[in-house]
Amino acid sequence: MNRIKDTTKRVELYHQTYQEEMHLPQLDTTSSSKLKDLLDKIYRFEHRCTMKKIKYSEPVCIEFRGAIADLMLLLDDFDLQEAIANRDNEEPRKDIDSVA
């Protein structure tokens, strides 16, 4: 639950900081559909800047998109950081030949 709160705060902070520059919609709720719309808007902003050769902060956009994607996964009850941290603790998978 802490990760959801922290990630939500991070997304809200990025949103407040770059709302005017990227012409982002208002972020009232953090539902998956709203986050997907926000993600699409950021992609379109980056594409427009690239096509018109306008300078923008690509690393910030990448971090913002990453925070949104992380929050979307957390809302779907999947913690990517936890999965990565525990990937070595899982039992080795059986070969397909031994299953058949």
PDB file of N, CA and C in Angstrom:
ATOM      1  N   MET A   1       0.819  -1.195   0.000  1.00  0.00           N
ATOM      2  CA  MET A   1       0.000   0.000   0.000  1.00  0.00           C
ATOM      3  C   MET A   1       0.866   1.264   0.000  1.00  0.00           C
ATOM      4  N   ASN A   2       2.018   1.174   0.662  1.00  0.00           N
ATOM      5  CA  ASN A   2       2.928   2.314   0.686  1.00  0.00           C
ATOM      6  C   ASN A   2       3.430   2.664  -0.707  1.00  0.00           C
ATOM      7  N   ARG A   3       3.727   1.631  -1.493  1.00  0.00           N
ATOM      8  CA  ARG A   3       4.233   1.864  -2.857  1.00  0.00           C
ATOM      9  C   ARG A   3       3.193   2.591  -3.697  1.00  0.00           C
ATOM     10  N   ILE A   4       1.922   2.245  -3.523  1.00  0.00           N
ATOM     11  CA  ILE A   4       0.874   2.914  -4.294  1.00  0.00           C
ATOM     12  C   ILE A   4       0.824   4.393  -3.924  1.00  0.00           C
ATOM     13  N   LYS A   5       0.889   4.686  -2.623  1.00  0.00           N
ATOM     14  CA  LYS A   5       0.847   6.087  -2.175  1.00  0.00           C
ATOM     15  C   LYS A   5       2.057   6.857  -2.686  1.00  0.00           C
ATOM     16  N   ASP A   6       3.239   6.265  -2.568  1.00  0.00           N
ATOM     17  CA  ASP A   6       4.462   6.940  -3.018  1.00  0.00           C
ATOM     18  C   ASP A   6       4.436   7.185  -4.526  1.00  0.00           C
ATOM     19  N   THR A   7       4.017   6.188  -5.267  1.00  0.00           N
ATOM     20  CA  THR A   7       3.982   6.322  -6.725  1.00  0.00           C
ATOM     21  C   THR A   7       2.910   7.315  -7.147  1.00  0.00           C
ATOM     22  N   THR A   8       1.776   7.313  -6.468  1.00  0.00           N
ATOM     23  CA  THR A   8       0.720   8.284  -6.770  1.00  0.00           C
ATOM     24  C   THR A   8       1.219   9.704  -6.530  1.00  0.00           C
ATOM     25  N   LYS A   9       1.924   9.909  -5.435  1.00  0.00           N
ATOM     26  CA  LYS A   9       2.482  11.238  -5.148  1.00  0.00           C
ATOM     27  C   LYS A   9       3.486  11.648  -6.218  1.00  0.00           C
ATOM     28  N   ARG A  10       4.308  10.684  -6.662  1.00  0.00           N
ATOM     29  CA  ARG A  10       5.301  10.977  -7.706  1.00  0.00           C
ATOM     30  C   ARG A  10       4.624  11.380  -9.009  1.00  0.00           C
ATOM     31  N   VAL A  11       3.562  10.652  -9.392  1.00  0.00           N
ATOM     32  CA  VAL A  11       2.825  10.976 -10.616  1.00  0.00           C
ATOM     33  C   VAL A  11       2.171  12.349 -10.485  1.00  0.00           C
ATOM     34  N   GLU A  12       1.575  12.630  -9.329  1.00  0.00           N
ATOM     35  CA  GLU A  12       0.930  13.934  -9.118  1.00  0.00           C
ATOM     36  C   GLU A  12       1.941  15.067  -9.163  1.00  0.00           C
ATOM     37  N   LEU A  13       3.137  14.840  -8.620  1.00  0.00           N
ATOM     38  CA  LEU A  13       4.181  15.866  -8.642  1.00  0.00           C
ATOM     39  C   LEU A  13       4.632  16.155 -10.075  1.00  0.00           C
ATOM     40  N   TYR A  14       4.893  15.099 -10.845  1.00  0.00           N
ATOM     41  CA  TYR A  14       5.250  15.289 -12.255  1.00  0.00           C
ATOM     42  C   TYR A  14       4.115  16.013 -12.985  1.00  0.00           C
ATOM     43  N   HIS A  15       2.888  15.611 -12.712  1.00  0.00           N
ATOM     44  CA  HIS A  15       1.729  16.208 -13.391  1.00  0.00           C
ATOM     45  C   HIS A  15       1.641  17.699 -13.095  1.00  0.00           C
ATOM     46  N   GLN A  16       1.786  18.074 -11.829  1.00  0.00           N
ATOM     47  CA  GLN A  16       1.725  19.494 -11.460  1.00  0.00           C
ATOM     48  C   GLN A  16       2.847  20.289 -12.112  1.00  0.00           C
ATOM     49  N   THR A  17       4.019  19.687 -12.163  1.00  0.00           N
ATOM     50  CA  THR A  17       5.184  20.379 -12.700  1.00  0.00           C
ATOM     51  C   THR A  17       5.076  20.601 -14.206  1.00  0.00           C
ATOM     52  N   TYR A  18       4.574  19.613 -14.938  1.00  0.00           N
ATOM     53  CA  TYR A  18       4.600  19.671 -16.407  1.00  0.00           C
ATOM     54  C   TYR A  18       3.227  19.814 -17.051  1.00  0.00           C
ATOM     55  N   GLN A  19       2.207  20.129 -16.267  1.00  0.00           N
ATOM     56  CA  GLN A  19       0.850  20.214 -16.800  1.00  0.00           C
ATOM     57  C   GLN A  19       0.721  21.280 -17.886  1.00  0.00           C
ATOM     58  N   GLU A  20       1.252  22.458 -17.630  1.00  0.00           N
ATOM     59  CA  GLU A  20       1.132  23.542 -18.616  1.00  0.00           C
ATOM     60  C   GLU A  20       2.005  23.296 -19.844  1.00  0.00           C
ATOM     61  N   GLU A  21       3.222  22.849 -19.635  1.00  0.00           N
ATOM     62  CA  GLU A  21       4.140  22.643 -20.755  1.00  0.00           C
ATOM     63  C   GLU A  21       3.627  21.577 -21.718  1.00  0.00           C
ATOM     64  N   MET A  22       3.067  20.504 -21.179  1.00  0.00           N
ATOM     65  CA  MET A  22       2.620  19.386 -22.011  1.00  0.00           C
ATOM     66  C   MET A  22       1.126  19.446 -22.330  1.00  0.00           C
ATOM     67  N   HIS A  23       0.440  20.447 -21.813  1.00  0.00           N
ATOM     68  CA  HIS A  23      -1.014  20.584 -22.008  1.00  0.00           C
ATOM     69  C   HIS A  23      -1.746  19.320 -21.560  1.00  0.00           C
ATOM     70  N   LEU A  24      -1.455  18.902 -20.325  1.00  0.00           N
ATOM     71  CA  LEU A  24      -2.027  17.671 -19.788  1.00  0.00           C
ATOM     72  C   LEU A  24      -3.427  17.912 -19.249  1.00  0.00           C
ATOM     73  N   PRO A  25      -4.291  16.902 -19.344  1.00  0.00           N
ATOM     74  CA  PRO A  25      -5.629  17.035 -18.773  1.00  0.00           C
ATOM     75  C   PRO A  25      -5.550  17.026 -17.244  1.00  0.00           C
ATOM     76  N   GLN A  26      -6.603  17.501 -16.614  1.00  0.00           N
ATOM     77  CA  GLN A  26      -6.668  17.525 -15.156  1.00  0.00           C
ATOM     78  C   GLN A  26      -6.618  16.091 -14.625  1.00  0.00           C
ATOM     79  N   LEU A  27      -5.906  15.885 -13.535  1.00  0.00           N
ATOM     80  CA  LEU A  27      -5.771  14.555 -12.940  1.00  0.00           C
ATOM     81  C   LEU A  27      -6.602  14.521 -11.659  1.00  0.00           C
ATOM     82  N   ASP A  28      -7.904  14.212 -11.808  1.00  0.00           N
ATOM     83  CA  ASP A  28      -8.801  14.175 -10.655  1.00  0.00           C
ATOM     84  C   ASP A  28      -8.681  12.864  -9.895  1.00  0.00           C
ATOM     85  N   THR A  29      -8.691  11.778 -10.625  1.00  0.00           N
ATOM     86  CA  THR A  29      -8.589  10.458 -10.008  1.00  0.00           C
ATOM     87  C   THR A  29      -7.433   9.709 -10.658  1.00  0.00           C
ATOM     88  N   THR A  30      -7.011   8.665  -9.994  1.00  0.00           N
ATOM     89  CA  THR A  30      -5.931   7.862 -10.554  1.00  0.00           C
ATOM     90  C   THR A  30      -6.476   6.507 -11.005  1.00  0.00           C
ATOM     91  N   SER A  31      -7.498   6.538 -11.832  1.00  0.00           N
ATOM     92  CA  SER A  31      -8.024   5.297 -12.391  1.00  0.00           C
ATOM     93  C   SER A  31      -7.154   4.894 -13.584  1.00  0.00           C
ATOM     94  N   SER A  32      -7.236   3.638 -13.952  1.00  0.00           N
ATOM     95  CA  SER A  32      -6.420   3.140 -15.061  1.00  0.00           C
ATOM     96  C   SER A  32      -6.735   3.858 -16.365  1.00  0.00           C
ATOM     97  N   SER A  33      -8.004   4.175 -16.602  1.00  0.00           N
ATOM     98  CA  SER A  33      -8.365   4.855 -17.849  1.00  0.00           C
ATOM     99  C   SER A  33      -7.809   6.274 -17.891  1.00  0.00           C
ATOM    100  N   LYS A  34      -7.856   6.978 -16.766  1.00  0.00           N
ATOM    101  CA  LYS A  34      -7.290   8.336 -16.711  1.00  0.00           C
ATOM    102  C   LYS A  34      -5.777   8.297 -16.904  1.00  0.00           C
ATOM    103  N   LEU A  35      -5.133   7.312 -16.288  1.00  0.00           N
ATOM    104  CA  LEU A  35      -3.683   7.191 -16.420  1.00  0.00           C
ATOM    105  C   LEU A  35      -3.289   6.834 -17.844  1.00  0.00           C
ATOM    106  N   LYS A  36      -4.085   5.998 -18.493  1.00  0.00           N
ATOM    107  CA  LYS A  36      -3.810   5.644 -19.892  1.00  0.00           C
ATOM    108  C   LYS A  36      -3.940   6.874 -20.785  1.00  0.00           C
ATOM    109  N   ASP A  37      -4.982   7.692 -20.545  1.00  0.00           N
ATOM    110  CA  ASP A  37      -5.140   8.931 -21.308  1.00  0.00           C
ATOM    111  C   ASP A  37      -3.958   9.873 -21.088  1.00  0.00           C
ATOM    112  N   LEU A  38      -3.495   9.951 -19.856  1.00  0.00           N
ATOM    113  CA  LEU A  38      -2.347  10.792 -19.532  1.00  0.00           C
ATOM    114  C   LEU A  38      -1.091  10.282 -20.232  1.00  0.00           C
ATOM    115  N   LEU A  39      -0.913   8.987 -20.253  1.00  0.00           N
ATOM    116  CA  LEU A  39       0.229   8.373 -20.929  1.00  0.00           C
ATOM    117  C   LEU A  39       0.191   8.659 -22.429  1.00  0.00           C
ATOM    118  N   ASP A  40      -0.985   8.542 -23.031  1.00  0.00           N
ATOM    119  CA  ASP A  40      -1.138   8.850 -24.455  1.00  0.00           C
ATOM    120  C   ASP A  40      -0.813  10.306 -24.744  1.00  0.00           C
ATOM    121  N   LYS A  41      -1.243  11.187 -23.864  1.00  0.00           N
ATOM    122  CA  LYS A  41      -0.989  12.622 -24.052  1.00  0.00           C
ATOM    123  C   LYS A  41       0.519  12.918 -24.001  1.00  0.00           C
ATOM    124  N   ILE A  42       1.224  12.254 -23.107  1.00  0.00           N
ATOM    125  CA  ILE A  42       2.674  12.457 -23.007  1.00  0.00           C
ATOM    126  C   ILE A  42       3.374  11.929 -24.258  1.00  0.00           C
ATOM    127  N   TYR A  43       2.945  10.769 -24.754  1.00  0.00           N
ATOM    128  CA  TYR A  43       3.521  10.231 -25.999  1.00  0.00           C
ATOM    129  C   TYR A  43       3.303  11.197 -27.158  1.00  0.00           C
ATOM    130  N   ARG A  44       2.095  11.744 -27.255  1.00  0.00           N
ATOM    131  CA  ARG A  44       1.812  12.696 -28.341  1.00  0.00           C
ATOM    132  C   ARG A  44       2.646  13.961 -28.202  1.00  0.00           C
ATOM    133  N   PHE A  45       2.846  14.423 -26.960  1.00  0.00           N
ATOM    134  CA  PHE A  45       3.692  15.595 -26.719  1.00  0.00           C
ATOM    135  C   PHE A  45       5.119  15.324 -27.198  1.00  0.00           C
ATOM    136  N   GLU A  46       5.666  14.170 -26.837  1.00  0.00           N
ATOM    137  CA  GLU A  46       7.024  13.827 -27.254  1.00  0.00           C
ATOM    138  C   GLU A  46       7.121  13.706 -28.775  1.00  0.00           C
ATOM    139  N   HIS A  47       6.139  13.088 -29.376  1.00  0.00           N
ATOM    140  CA  HIS A  47       6.144  12.928 -30.830  1.00  0.00           C
ATOM    141  C   HIS A  47       6.084  14.286 -31.526  1.00  0.00           C
ATOM    142  N   ARG A  48       5.209  15.162 -31.030  1.00  0.00           N
ATOM    143  CA  ARG A  48       5.079  16.497 -31.616  1.00  0.00           C
ATOM    144  C   ARG A  48       6.393  17.272 -31.493  1.00  0.00           C
ATOM    145  N   CYS A  49       7.032  17.194 -30.341  1.00  0.00           N
ATOM    146  CA  CYS A  49       8.307  17.887 -30.140  1.00  0.00           C
ATOM    147  C   CYS A  49       9.389  17.327 -31.058  1.00  0.00           C
ATOM    148  N   THR A  50       9.394  16.025 -31.240  1.00  0.00           N
ATOM    149  CA  THR A  50      10.382  15.399 -32.114  1.00  0.00           C
ATOM    150  C   THR A  50      10.169  15.812 -33.561  1.00  0.00           C
ATOM    151  N   MET A  51       8.913  15.787 -34.008  1.00  0.00           N
ATOM    152  CA  MET A  51       8.607  16.130 -35.401  1.00  0.00           C
ATOM    153  C   MET A  51       8.889  17.603 -35.706  1.00  0.00           C
ATOM    154  N   LYS A  52       8.594  18.479 -34.751  1.00  0.00           N
ATOM    155  CA  LYS A  52       8.801  19.917 -34.971  1.00  0.00           C
ATOM    156  C   LYS A  52      10.181  20.376 -34.512  1.00  0.00           C
ATOM    157  N   LYS A  53      10.992  19.411 -34.048  1.00  0.00           N
ATOM    158  CA  LYS A  53      12.352  19.700 -33.573  1.00  0.00           C
ATOM    159  C   LYS A  53      12.350  20.744 -32.449  1.00  0.00           C
ATOM    160  N   ILE A  54      11.409  20.573 -31.530  1.00  0.00           N
ATOM    161  CA  ILE A  54      11.310  21.435 -30.346  1.00  0.00           C
ATOM    162  C   ILE A  54      12.050  20.731 -29.213  1.00  0.00           C
ATOM    163  N   LYS A  55      12.833  21.493 -28.458  1.00  0.00           N
ATOM    164  CA  LYS A  55      13.567  20.902 -27.347  1.00  0.00           C
ATOM    165  C   LYS A  55      12.609  20.588 -26.199  1.00  0.00           C
ATOM    166  N   TYR A  56      12.814  19.433 -25.600  1.00  0.00           N
ATOM    167  CA  TYR A  56      12.072  19.030 -24.416  1.00  0.00           C
ATOM    168  C   TYR A  56      12.961  18.096 -23.616  1.00  0.00           C
ATOM    169  N   SER A  57      12.603  17.861 -22.382  1.00  0.00           N
ATOM    170  CA  SER A  57      13.416  17.012 -21.525  1.00  0.00           C
ATOM    171  C   SER A  57      12.974  15.560 -21.661  1.00  0.00           C
ATOM    172  N   GLU A  58      13.667  14.821 -22.517  1.00  0.00           N
ATOM    173  CA  GLU A  58      13.323  13.416 -22.743  1.00  0.00           C
ATOM    174  C   GLU A  58      13.478  12.568 -21.482  1.00  0.00           C
ATOM    175  N   PRO A  59      14.553  12.738 -20.696  1.00  0.00           N
ATOM    176  CA  PRO A  59      14.670  11.927 -19.475  1.00  0.00           C
ATOM    177  C   PRO A  59      13.506  12.149 -18.505  1.00  0.00           C
ATOM    178  N   VAL A  60      13.021  13.381 -18.410  1.00  0.00           N
ATOM    179  CA  VAL A  60      11.888  13.655 -17.526  1.00  0.00           C
ATOM    180  C   VAL A  60      10.638  12.953 -18.039  1.00  0.00           C
ATOM    181  N   CYS A  61      10.423  12.992 -19.342  1.00  0.00           N
ATOM    182  CA  CYS A  61       9.263  12.309 -19.929  1.00  0.00           C
ATOM    183  C   CYS A  61       9.341  10.810 -19.689  1.00  0.00           C
ATOM    184  N   ILE A  62      10.529  10.255 -19.799  1.00  0.00           N
ATOM    185  CA  ILE A  62      10.705   8.822 -19.572  1.00  0.00           C
ATOM    186  C   ILE A  62      10.407   8.477 -18.112  1.00  0.00           C
ATOM    187  N   GLU A  63      10.893   9.305 -17.183  1.00  0.00           N
ATOM    188  CA  GLU A  63      10.621   9.069 -15.763  1.00  0.00           C
ATOM    189  C   GLU A  63       9.129   9.210 -15.462  1.00  0.00           C
ATOM    190  N   PHE A  64       8.484  10.211 -16.067  1.00  0.00           N
ATOM    191  CA  PHE A  64       7.054  10.439 -15.872  1.00  0.00           C
ATOM    192  C   PHE A  64       6.257   9.246 -16.392  1.00  0.00           C
ATOM    193  N   ARG A  65       6.576   8.791 -17.600  1.00  0.00           N
ATOM    194  CA  ARG A  65       5.884   7.626 -18.170  1.00  0.00           C
ATOM    195  C   ARG A  65       6.123   6.385 -17.316  1.00  0.00           C
ATOM    196  N   GLY A  66       7.345   6.231 -16.815  1.00  0.00           N
ATOM    197  CA  GLY A  66       7.657   5.093 -15.952  1.00  0.00           C
ATOM    198  C   GLY A  66       6.854   5.106 -14.667  1.00  0.00           C
ATOM    199  N   ALA A  67       6.690   6.289 -14.082  1.00  0.00           N
ATOM    200  CA  ALA A  67       5.899   6.413 -12.855  1.00  0.00           C
ATOM    201  C   ALA A  67       4.439   6.069 -13.120  1.00  0.00           C
ATOM    202  N   ILE A  68       3.915   6.511 -14.261  1.00  0.00           N
ATOM    203  CA  ILE A  68       2.527   6.201 -14.618  1.00  0.00           C
ATOM    204  C   ILE A  68       2.357   4.700 -14.837  1.00  0.00           C
ATOM    205  N   ALA A  69       3.289   4.092 -15.569  1.00  0.00           N
ATOM    206  CA  ALA A  69       3.210   2.655 -15.827  1.00  0.00           C
ATOM    207  C   ALA A  69       3.319   1.862 -14.524  1.00  0.00           C
ATOM    208  N   ASP A  70       4.202   2.289 -13.638  1.00  0.00           N
ATOM    209  CA  ASP A  70       4.359   1.634 -12.344  1.00  0.00           C
ATOM    210  C   ASP A  70       3.062   1.719 -11.546  1.00  0.00           C
ATOM    211  N   LEU A  71       2.427   2.887 -11.544  1.00  0.00           N
ATOM    212  CA  LEU A  71       1.171   3.065 -10.820  1.00  0.00           C
ATOM    213  C   LEU A  71       0.062   2.204 -11.424  1.00  0.00           C
ATOM    214  N   MET A  72       0.027   2.121 -12.741  1.00  0.00           N
ATOM    215  CA  MET A  72      -0.992   1.282 -13.386  1.00  0.00           C
ATOM    216  C   MET A  72      -0.812  -0.187 -12.986  1.00  0.00           C
ATOM    217  N   LEU A  73       0.433  -0.649 -12.942  1.00  0.00           N
ATOM    218  CA  LEU A  73       0.686  -2.029 -12.517  1.00  0.00           C
ATOM    219  C   LEU A  73       0.313  -2.240 -11.055  1.00  0.00           C
ATOM    220  N   LEU A  74       0.634  -1.255 -10.210  1.00  0.00           N
ATOM    221  CA  LEU A  74       0.288  -1.372  -8.797  1.00  0.00           C
ATOM    222  C   LEU A  74      -1.223  -1.400  -8.600  1.00  0.00           C
ATOM    223  N   LEU A  75      -1.948  -0.627  -9.385  1.00  0.00           N
ATOM    224  CA  LEU A  75      -3.411  -0.636  -9.291  1.00  0.00           C
ATOM    225  C   LEU A  75      -3.984  -1.987  -9.722  1.00  0.00           C
ATOM    226  N   ASP A  76      -3.230  -2.716 -10.561  1.00  0.00           N
ATOM    227  CA  ASP A  76      -3.632  -4.062 -10.980  1.00  0.00           C
ATOM    228  C   ASP A  76      -3.046  -5.136 -10.060  1.00  0.00           C
ATOM    229  N   ASP A  77      -2.584  -4.712  -8.878  1.00  0.00           N
ATOM    230  CA  ASP A  77      -2.021  -5.621  -7.865  1.00  0.00           C
ATOM    231  C   ASP A  77      -0.781  -6.353  -8.350  1.00  0.00           C
ATOM    232  N   PHE A  78       0.076  -5.684  -9.100  1.00  0.00           N
ATOM    233  CA  PHE A  78       1.347  -6.262  -9.519  1.00  0.00           C
ATOM    234  C   PHE A  78       2.452  -5.268  -9.197  1.00  0.00           C
ATOM    235  N   ASP A  79       3.360  -5.659  -8.312  1.00  0.00           N
ATOM    236  CA  ASP A  79       4.476  -4.804  -7.925  1.00  0.00           C
ATOM    237  C   ASP A  79       5.720  -5.265  -8.678  1.00  0.00           C
ATOM    238  N   LEU A  80       6.093  -4.516  -9.690  1.00  0.00           N
ATOM    239  CA  LEU A  80       7.221  -4.884 -10.533  1.00  0.00           C
ATOM    240  C   LEU A  80       8.525  -4.902  -9.744  1.00  0.00           C
ATOM    241  N   GLN A  81       8.716  -3.935  -8.855  1.00  0.00           N
ATOM    242  CA  GLN A  81       9.945  -3.912  -8.053  1.00  0.00           C
ATOM    243  C   GLN A  81      10.064  -5.163  -7.183  1.00  0.00           C
ATOM    244  N   GLU A  82       8.954  -5.579  -6.603  1.00  0.00           N
ATOM    245  CA  GLU A  82       8.959  -6.783  -5.777  1.00  0.00           C
ATOM    246  C   GLU A  82       9.219  -8.026  -6.625  1.00  0.00           C
ATOM    247  N   ALA A  83       8.634  -8.067  -7.803  1.00  0.00           N
ATOM    248  CA  ALA A  83       8.840  -9.213  -8.699  1.00  0.00           C
ATOM    249  C   ALA A  83      10.299  -9.316  -9.122  1.00  0.00           C
ATOM    250  N   ILE A  84      10.914  -8.179  -9.412  1.00  0.00           N
ATOM    251  CA  ILE A  84      12.331  -8.183  -9.801  1.00  0.00           C
ATOM    252  C   ILE A  84      13.212  -8.589  -8.620  1.00  0.00           C
ATOM    253  N   ALA A  85      12.880  -8.092  -7.436  1.00  0.00           N
ATOM    254  CA  ALA A  85      13.677  -8.421  -6.255  1.00  0.00           C
ATOM    255  C   ALA A  85      13.578  -9.899  -5.901  1.00  0.00           C
ATOM    256  N   ASN A  86      12.436 -10.517  -6.179  1.00  0.00           N
ATOM    257  CA  ASN A  86      12.222 -11.918  -5.800  1.00  0.00           C
ATOM    258  C   ASN A  86      12.416 -12.898  -6.944  1.00  0.00           C
ATOM    259  N   ARG A  87      12.878 -12.453  -8.077  1.00  0.00           N
ATOM    260  CA  ARG A  87      12.985 -13.361  -9.226  1.00  0.00           C
ATOM    261  C   ARG A  87      14.014 -14.466  -9.007  1.00  0.00           C
ATOM    262  N   ASP A  88      15.031 -14.222  -8.199  1.00  0.00           N
ATOM    263  CA  ASP A  88      16.038 -15.248  -7.946  1.00  0.00           C
ATOM    264  C   ASP A  88      15.608 -16.215  -6.854  1.00  0.00           C
ATOM    265  N   ASN A  89      14.569 -15.876  -6.115  1.00  0.00           N
ATOM    266  CA  ASN A  89      14.108 -16.718  -5.019  1.00  0.00           C
ATOM    267  C   ASN A  89      13.111 -17.781  -5.461  1.00  0.00           C
ATOM    268  N   GLU A  90      12.677 -17.723  -6.711  1.00  0.00           N
ATOM    269  CA  GLU A  90      11.701 -18.685  -7.202  1.00  0.00           C
ATOM    270  C   GLU A  90      12.379 -20.016  -7.506  1.00  0.00           C
ATOM    271  N   GLU A  91      11.578 -21.070  -7.481  1.00  0.00           N
ATOM    272  CA  GLU A  91      12.092 -22.386  -7.834  1.00  0.00           C
ATOM    273  C   GLU A  91      12.400 -22.407  -9.324  1.00  0.00           C
ATOM    274  N   PRO A  92      13.431 -23.139  -9.706  1.00  0.00           N
ATOM    275  CA  PRO A  92      13.724 -23.230 -11.144  1.00  0.00           C
ATOM    276  C   PRO A  92      12.581 -23.916 -11.875  1.00  0.00           C
ATOM    277  N   ARG A  93      12.275 -23.435 -13.038  1.00  0.00           N
ATOM    278  CA  ARG A  93      11.177 -23.996 -13.824  1.00  0.00           C
ATOM    279  C   ARG A  93      11.625 -25.313 -14.462  1.00  0.00           C
ATOM    280  N   LYS A  94      10.676 -26.210 -14.597  1.00  0.00           N
ATOM    281  CA  LYS A  94      10.976 -27.491 -15.238  1.00  0.00           C
ATOM    282  C   LYS A  94      11.055 -27.297 -16.740  1.00  0.00           C
ATOM    283  N   ASP A  95      11.884 -28.096 -17.360  1.00  0.00           N
ATOM    284  CA  ASP A  95      11.960 -28.070 -18.810  1.00  0.00           C
ATOM    285  C   ASP A  95      10.669 -28.613 -19.387  1.00  0.00           C
ATOM    286  N   ILE A  96      10.332 -28.157 -20.552  1.00  0.00           N
ATOM    287  CA  ILE A  96       9.106 -28.615 -21.205  1.00  0.00           C
ATOM    288  C   ILE A  96       9.186 -30.117 -21.500  1.00  0.00           C
ATOM    289  N   ASP A  97      10.375 -30.627 -21.821  1.00  0.00           N
ATOM    290  CA  ASP A  97      10.534 -32.050 -22.128  1.00  0.00           C
ATOM    291  C   ASP A  97      10.193 -32.918 -20.918  1.00  0.00           C
ATOM    292  N   SER A  98      10.517 -32.434 -19.724  1.00  0.00           N
ATOM    293  CA  SER A  98      10.259 -33.253 -18.538  1.00  0.00           C
ATOM    294  C   SER A  98       8.794 -33.228 -18.131  1.00  0.00           C
ATOM    295  N   VAL A  99       8.033 -32.257 -18.588  1.00  0.00           N
ATOM    296  CA  VAL A  99       6.617 -32.157 -18.257  1.00  0.00           C
ATOM    297  C   VAL A  99       5.808 -33.131 -19.111  1.00  0.00           C
ATOM    298  N   ALA A 100       6.185 -33.298 -20.356  1.00  0.00           N
ATOM    299  CA  ALA A 100       5.394 -34.118 -21.288  1.00  0.00           C
ATOM    300  C   ALA A 100       5.520 -35.594 -21.036  1.00  0.00           C
TER     301      ALA A 100
END
